[in-house]
Amino acid sequence: MTTQRPDLGFASELESFDPAAWEPTANRKDKKPAPKEAIASLAEASGFRSREPKEAPPVEKGAPQRRRRTGRNAQFNIKADPAVIERFTVMADKQGWVFGEAFEHAVELLEERYGKD
């Protein structure tokens, strides 16, 4: 196995190579960073998609927030007519009550009208 390696064509370049001529980029004082706009346009042109979050869309004001810390921790699920649920929701919103508070007021009114037992 005394065959000689084939010439790859860059041996003459290695002989003329001077590592001292290369200066690390950290020591270069004339090097300025590229502007962000140029980087962004090059990235977009090459098809790069950034993972950076974009500005969040504005939050639309929907239904009013109906949660408060009240100490109520039991759940009560009922089926009702959608029209009655809408009336209940409108009344609670008018008064500024959360649903638990509106339910407590409804029970108080029922007790006044029909008695506690």
N, C-alpha and C. Protein backbone atom coordinates (compact mmCIF):
# COMPACT_ATOMS: atom_id res chain seq x y z
N MET A 1 0.82 -1.18 0.00
CA MET A 1 0.00 0.00 0.00
C MET A 1 0.86 1.24 0.00
N THR A 2 1.68 1.30 -0.95
CA THR A 2 2.57 2.45 -1.08
C THR A 2 2.10 3.38 -2.20
N THR A 3 0.82 3.33 -2.49
CA THR A 3 0.33 4.20 -3.55
C THR A 3 0.30 5.64 -3.06
N GLN A 4 0.54 6.52 -3.96
CA GLN A 4 0.55 7.94 -3.63
C GLN A 4 -0.87 8.49 -3.73
N ARG A 5 -1.20 9.38 -2.85
CA ARG A 5 -2.53 9.97 -2.86
C ARG A 5 -2.71 10.84 -4.09
N PRO A 6 -3.90 10.88 -4.63
CA PRO A 6 -4.13 11.72 -5.80
C PRO A 6 -4.15 13.20 -5.40
N ASP A 7 -3.73 14.03 -6.32
CA ASP A 7 -3.71 15.48 -6.08
C ASP A 7 -5.14 16.00 -6.20
N LEU A 8 -5.61 16.71 -5.16
CA LEU A 8 -6.97 17.24 -5.16
C LEU A 8 -7.04 18.65 -5.74
N GLY A 9 -5.92 19.27 -6.00
CA GLY A 9 -5.91 20.55 -6.68
C GLY A 9 -5.80 21.77 -5.80
N PHE A 10 -5.66 21.61 -4.50
CA PHE A 10 -5.51 22.80 -3.66
C PHE A 10 -4.25 22.77 -2.81
N ALA A 11 -3.31 21.94 -3.13
CA ALA A 11 -2.06 21.87 -2.38
C ALA A 11 -1.27 23.16 -2.51
N SER A 12 -1.28 23.78 -3.69
CA SER A 12 -0.54 25.03 -3.86
C SER A 12 -1.15 26.14 -3.03
N GLU A 13 -2.47 26.11 -2.83
CA GLU A 13 -3.14 27.11 -1.99
C GLU A 13 -2.71 26.97 -0.54
N LEU A 14 -2.54 25.75 -0.08
CA LEU A 14 -2.13 25.54 1.30
C LEU A 14 -0.72 26.04 1.55
N GLU A 15 0.15 25.93 0.56
CA GLU A 15 1.53 26.41 0.73
C GLU A 15 1.59 27.92 0.85
N SER A 16 0.69 28.63 0.17
CA SER A 16 0.71 30.09 0.22
C SER A 16 -0.19 30.65 1.33
N PHE A 17 -0.83 29.78 2.09
CA PHE A 17 -1.75 30.21 3.15
C PHE A 17 -0.97 30.77 4.33
N ASP A 18 -1.35 31.97 4.81
CA ASP A 18 -0.71 32.61 5.96
C ASP A 18 -1.78 32.86 7.02
N PRO A 19 -1.84 32.06 8.09
CA PRO A 19 -2.89 32.25 9.11
C PRO A 19 -2.75 33.57 9.84
N ALA A 20 -1.56 34.17 9.89
CA ALA A 20 -1.40 35.45 10.58
C ALA A 20 -2.13 36.57 9.84
N ALA A 21 -2.39 36.39 8.55
CA ALA A 21 -3.09 37.42 7.78
C ALA A 21 -4.57 37.47 8.14
N TRP A 22 -5.06 36.43 8.74
CA TRP A 22 -6.47 36.41 9.12
C TRP A 22 -6.64 36.99 10.51
N GLU A 23 -7.51 37.94 10.63
CA GLU A 23 -7.77 38.57 11.92
C GLU A 23 -9.15 38.11 12.39
N PRO A 24 -9.29 37.73 13.63
CA PRO A 24 -10.61 37.32 14.12
C PRO A 24 -11.62 38.47 13.99
N THR A 25 -12.88 38.12 13.74
CA THR A 25 -13.89 39.16 13.55
C THR A 25 -14.13 39.96 14.83
N ALA A 26 -13.85 39.39 15.98
CA ALA A 26 -14.06 40.12 17.23
C ALA A 26 -13.09 41.29 17.35
N ASN A 27 -11.92 41.21 16.73
CA ASN A 27 -10.93 42.28 16.84
C ASN A 27 -11.07 43.34 15.75
N ARG A 28 -11.89 43.12 14.78
CA ARG A 28 -12.05 44.10 13.71
C ARG A 28 -12.85 45.29 14.22
N LYS A 29 -12.29 46.46 14.02
CA LYS A 29 -12.96 47.66 14.50
C LYS A 29 -13.81 48.31 13.42
N ASP A 30 -13.51 48.02 12.16
CA ASP A 30 -14.25 48.64 11.08
C ASP A 30 -15.51 47.87 10.71
N LYS A 31 -15.71 46.72 11.29
CA LYS A 31 -16.86 45.89 10.94
C LYS A 31 -18.09 46.38 11.71
N LYS A 32 -19.15 46.73 10.98
CA LYS A 32 -20.40 47.17 11.60
C LYS A 32 -21.45 46.10 11.36
N PRO A 33 -22.34 45.89 12.32
CA PRO A 33 -23.39 44.89 12.10
C PRO A 33 -24.35 45.36 11.01
N ALA A 34 -24.90 44.42 10.31
CA ALA A 34 -25.85 44.74 9.26
C ALA A 34 -27.14 45.28 9.87
N PRO A 35 -27.80 46.20 9.19
CA PRO A 35 -29.07 46.71 9.73
C PRO A 35 -30.12 45.61 9.77
N LYS A 36 -30.99 45.69 10.77
CA LYS A 36 -32.01 44.65 10.96
C LYS A 36 -32.96 44.57 9.77
N GLU A 37 -33.22 45.70 9.14
CA GLU A 37 -34.12 45.69 7.99
C GLU A 37 -33.52 44.87 6.85
N ALA A 38 -32.20 45.01 6.64
CA ALA A 38 -31.54 44.27 5.57
C ALA A 38 -31.55 42.77 5.88
N ILE A 39 -31.31 42.44 7.12
CA ILE A 39 -31.33 41.02 7.52
C ILE A 39 -32.72 40.44 7.31
N ALA A 40 -33.74 41.20 7.72
CA ALA A 40 -35.11 40.72 7.59
C ALA A 40 -35.49 40.53 6.12
N SER A 41 -35.09 41.47 5.27
CA SER A 41 -35.46 41.35 3.85
C SER A 41 -34.72 40.17 3.20
N LEU A 42 -33.45 39.95 3.56
CA LEU A 42 -32.73 38.80 3.02
C LEU A 42 -33.33 37.48 3.49
N ALA A 43 -33.71 37.45 4.76
CA ALA A 43 -34.31 36.23 5.31
C ALA A 43 -35.64 35.94 4.62
N GLU A 44 -36.43 36.98 4.40
CA GLU A 44 -37.72 36.79 3.74
C GLU A 44 -37.54 36.34 2.29
N ALA A 45 -36.55 36.92 1.62
CA ALA A 45 -36.30 36.56 0.23
C ALA A 45 -35.84 35.10 0.10
N SER A 46 -35.14 34.61 1.11
CA SER A 46 -34.65 33.23 1.04
C SER A 46 -35.66 32.23 1.60
N GLY A 47 -36.81 32.72 2.09
CA GLY A 47 -37.85 31.81 2.56
C GLY A 47 -37.75 31.47 4.03
N PHE A 48 -36.89 32.14 4.79
CA PHE A 48 -36.76 31.88 6.21
C PHE A 48 -37.98 32.45 6.95
N ARG A 49 -38.57 31.64 7.84
CA ARG A 49 -39.69 32.10 8.64
C ARG A 49 -39.25 32.20 10.09
N SER A 50 -39.37 33.38 10.65
CA SER A 50 -38.93 33.63 12.01
C SER A 50 -39.87 32.97 13.01
N ARG A 51 -39.30 32.57 14.14
CA ARG A 51 -40.10 32.02 15.24
C ARG A 51 -40.44 33.08 16.27
N GLU A 52 -39.94 34.28 16.05
CA GLU A 52 -40.21 35.36 16.98
C GLU A 52 -41.70 35.67 16.97
N PRO A 53 -42.28 35.93 18.14
CA PRO A 53 -43.71 36.22 18.16
C PRO A 53 -44.00 37.56 17.51
N LYS A 54 -45.11 37.61 16.80
CA LYS A 54 -45.54 38.87 16.21
C LYS A 54 -46.43 39.57 17.22
N GLU A 55 -46.73 40.83 16.96
CA GLU A 55 -47.59 41.57 17.88
C GLU A 55 -48.95 40.89 17.97
N ALA A 56 -49.44 40.78 19.17
CA ALA A 56 -50.73 40.13 19.38
C ALA A 56 -51.83 41.02 18.83
N PRO A 57 -52.83 40.42 18.21
CA PRO A 57 -53.94 41.24 17.70
C PRO A 57 -54.68 41.85 18.88
N PRO A 58 -55.31 42.99 18.67
CA PRO A 58 -56.04 43.61 19.78
C PRO A 58 -57.18 42.72 20.24
N VAL A 59 -57.38 42.71 21.53
CA VAL A 59 -58.42 41.87 22.12
C VAL A 59 -59.76 42.58 21.97
N GLU A 60 -60.70 41.87 21.39
CA GLU A 60 -62.02 42.45 21.23
C GLU A 60 -62.79 42.33 22.53
N LYS A 61 -63.53 43.37 22.84
CA LYS A 61 -64.36 43.34 24.04
C LYS A 61 -65.58 42.49 23.74
N GLY A 62 -65.67 41.37 24.39
CA GLY A 62 -66.80 40.47 24.19
C GLY A 62 -67.72 40.54 25.38
N ALA A 63 -68.10 39.38 25.86
CA ALA A 63 -68.95 39.30 27.02
C ALA A 63 -68.20 39.81 28.24
N PRO A 64 -68.90 40.39 29.19
CA PRO A 64 -68.21 40.89 30.38
C PRO A 64 -67.61 39.74 31.19
N GLN A 65 -66.55 40.05 31.90
CA GLN A 65 -65.89 39.06 32.75
C GLN A 65 -66.80 38.75 33.93
N ARG A 66 -67.07 37.49 34.14
CA ARG A 66 -68.00 37.11 35.20
C ARG A 66 -67.33 36.26 36.26
N ARG A 67 -66.08 36.55 36.57
CA ARG A 67 -65.39 35.77 37.60
C ARG A 67 -64.84 36.71 38.66
N ARG A 68 -65.04 36.30 39.90
CA ARG A 68 -64.46 36.99 41.04
C ARG A 68 -64.16 35.95 42.10
N ARG A 69 -63.23 36.24 42.95
CA ARG A 69 -62.94 35.35 44.08
C ARG A 69 -64.00 35.60 45.14
N THR A 70 -64.87 34.61 45.35
CA THR A 70 -65.99 34.81 46.27
C THR A 70 -66.08 33.75 47.35
N GLY A 71 -65.33 32.68 47.23
CA GLY A 71 -65.43 31.60 48.18
C GLY A 71 -66.46 30.56 47.77
N ARG A 72 -67.19 30.81 46.70
CA ARG A 72 -68.13 29.82 46.21
C ARG A 72 -67.33 28.72 45.53
N ASN A 73 -67.53 27.48 45.98
CA ASN A 73 -66.73 26.41 45.40
C ASN A 73 -67.55 25.17 45.03
N ALA A 74 -68.86 25.27 45.07
CA ALA A 74 -69.70 24.16 44.66
C ALA A 74 -70.32 24.49 43.31
N GLN A 75 -70.48 23.48 42.50
CA GLN A 75 -71.01 23.69 41.16
C GLN A 75 -72.45 23.21 41.11
N PHE A 76 -73.28 23.95 40.39
CA PHE A 76 -74.71 23.64 40.27
C PHE A 76 -75.09 23.78 38.80
N ASN A 77 -75.28 22.66 38.13
CA ASN A 77 -75.61 22.67 36.70
C ASN A 77 -77.09 22.38 36.53
N ILE A 78 -77.74 23.19 35.71
CA ILE A 78 -79.15 22.97 35.42
C ILE A 78 -79.37 23.11 33.92
N LYS A 79 -80.45 22.49 33.43
CA LYS A 79 -80.88 22.71 32.06
C LYS A 79 -82.03 23.69 32.12
N ALA A 80 -81.98 24.66 31.22
CA ALA A 80 -83.04 25.66 31.19
C ALA A 80 -83.29 26.06 29.75
N ASP A 81 -84.42 26.71 29.56
CA ASP A 81 -84.76 27.24 28.25
C ASP A 81 -83.75 28.34 27.88
N PRO A 82 -83.27 28.39 26.65
CA PRO A 82 -82.29 29.41 26.28
C PRO A 82 -82.78 30.84 26.51
N ALA A 83 -84.08 31.08 26.37
CA ALA A 83 -84.61 32.42 26.61
C ALA A 83 -84.49 32.79 28.09
N VAL A 84 -84.73 31.82 28.97
CA VAL A 84 -84.62 32.08 30.42
C VAL A 84 -83.17 32.32 30.79
N ILE A 85 -82.27 31.55 30.20
CA ILE A 85 -80.84 31.75 30.46
C ILE A 85 -80.42 33.15 30.01
N GLU A 86 -80.93 33.59 28.86
CA GLU A 86 -80.62 34.93 28.36
C GLU A 86 -81.14 36.00 29.32
N ARG A 87 -82.39 35.82 29.82
CA ARG A 87 -82.94 36.79 30.78
C ARG A 87 -82.11 36.83 32.05
N PHE A 88 -81.69 35.65 32.53
CA PHE A 88 -80.86 35.57 33.73
C PHE A 88 -79.53 36.29 33.51
N THR A 89 -78.92 36.05 32.36
CA THR A 89 -77.63 36.66 32.04
C THR A 89 -77.76 38.18 31.94
N VAL A 90 -78.80 38.65 31.28
CA VAL A 90 -79.02 40.10 31.14
C VAL A 90 -79.20 40.73 32.51
N MET A 91 -79.99 40.12 33.36
CA MET A 91 -80.24 40.67 34.70
C MET A 91 -78.95 40.70 35.53
N ALA A 92 -78.17 39.63 35.46
CA ALA A 92 -76.91 39.59 36.22
C ALA A 92 -75.95 40.67 35.70
N ASP A 93 -75.89 40.83 34.39
CA ASP A 93 -75.01 41.85 33.82
C ASP A 93 -75.46 43.26 34.19
N LYS A 94 -76.76 43.50 34.19
CA LYS A 94 -77.28 44.83 34.57
C LYS A 94 -76.88 45.20 35.99
N GLN A 95 -76.94 44.21 36.87
CA GLN A 95 -76.64 44.46 38.28
C GLN A 95 -75.14 44.37 38.58
N GLY A 96 -74.36 43.85 37.64
CA GLY A 96 -72.92 43.69 37.87
C GLY A 96 -72.60 42.49 38.73
N TRP A 97 -73.47 41.49 38.72
CA TRP A 97 -73.30 40.30 39.53
C TRP A 97 -72.67 39.18 38.70
N VAL A 98 -71.89 38.35 39.37
CA VAL A 98 -71.47 37.09 38.75
C VAL A 98 -72.65 36.14 38.89
N PHE A 99 -72.65 35.02 38.15
CA PHE A 99 -73.80 34.14 38.14
C PHE A 99 -74.12 33.57 39.53
N GLY A 100 -73.09 33.26 40.31
CA GLY A 100 -73.33 32.73 41.65
C GLY A 100 -74.04 33.74 42.52
N GLU A 101 -73.63 35.00 42.40
CA GLU A 101 -74.25 36.06 43.18
C GLU A 101 -75.70 36.29 42.72
N ALA A 102 -75.93 36.25 41.42
CA ALA A 102 -77.29 36.41 40.90
C ALA A 102 -78.18 35.27 41.37
N PHE A 103 -77.63 34.07 41.40
CA PHE A 103 -78.40 32.92 41.87
C PHE A 103 -78.76 33.09 43.35
N GLU A 104 -77.82 33.59 44.16
CA GLU A 104 -78.10 33.82 45.58
C GLU A 104 -79.23 34.83 45.75
N HIS A 105 -79.22 35.90 44.96
CA HIS A 105 -80.30 36.89 45.04
C HIS A 105 -81.63 36.28 44.60
N ALA A 106 -81.60 35.44 43.58
CA ALA A 106 -82.84 34.78 43.12
C ALA A 106 -83.39 33.88 44.22
N VAL A 107 -82.54 33.15 44.90
CA VAL A 107 -82.99 32.27 46.00
C VAL A 107 -83.58 33.10 47.13
N GLU A 108 -82.95 34.24 47.46
CA GLU A 108 -83.48 35.12 48.51
C GLU A 108 -84.88 35.61 48.15
N LEU A 109 -85.05 36.02 46.89
CA LEU A 109 -86.37 36.50 46.46
C LEU A 109 -87.40 35.38 46.49
N LEU A 110 -87.01 34.16 46.11
CA LEU A 110 -87.93 33.02 46.18
C LEU A 110 -88.31 32.72 47.62
N GLU A 111 -87.35 32.81 48.54
CA GLU A 111 -87.64 32.57 49.96
C GLU A 111 -88.59 33.63 50.52
N GLU A 112 -88.41 34.90 50.10
CA GLU A 112 -89.32 35.95 50.56
C GLU A 112 -90.74 35.70 50.07
N ARG A 113 -90.85 35.26 48.83
CA ARG A 113 -92.17 35.09 48.23
C ARG A 113 -92.86 33.81 48.69
N TYR A 114 -92.13 32.71 48.77
CA TYR A 114 -92.73 31.41 49.07
C TYR A 114 -92.38 30.87 50.46
N GLY A 115 -91.54 31.54 51.20
CA GLY A 115 -91.14 31.07 52.52
C GLY A 115 -89.92 30.17 52.42
N LYS A 116 -89.28 29.95 53.58
CA LYS A 116 -88.06 29.16 53.58
C LYS A 116 -88.35 27.67 53.52
N ASP A 117 -89.48 27.21 53.97
CA ASP A 117 -89.80 25.77 53.94
C ASP A 117 -91.04 25.51 53.17
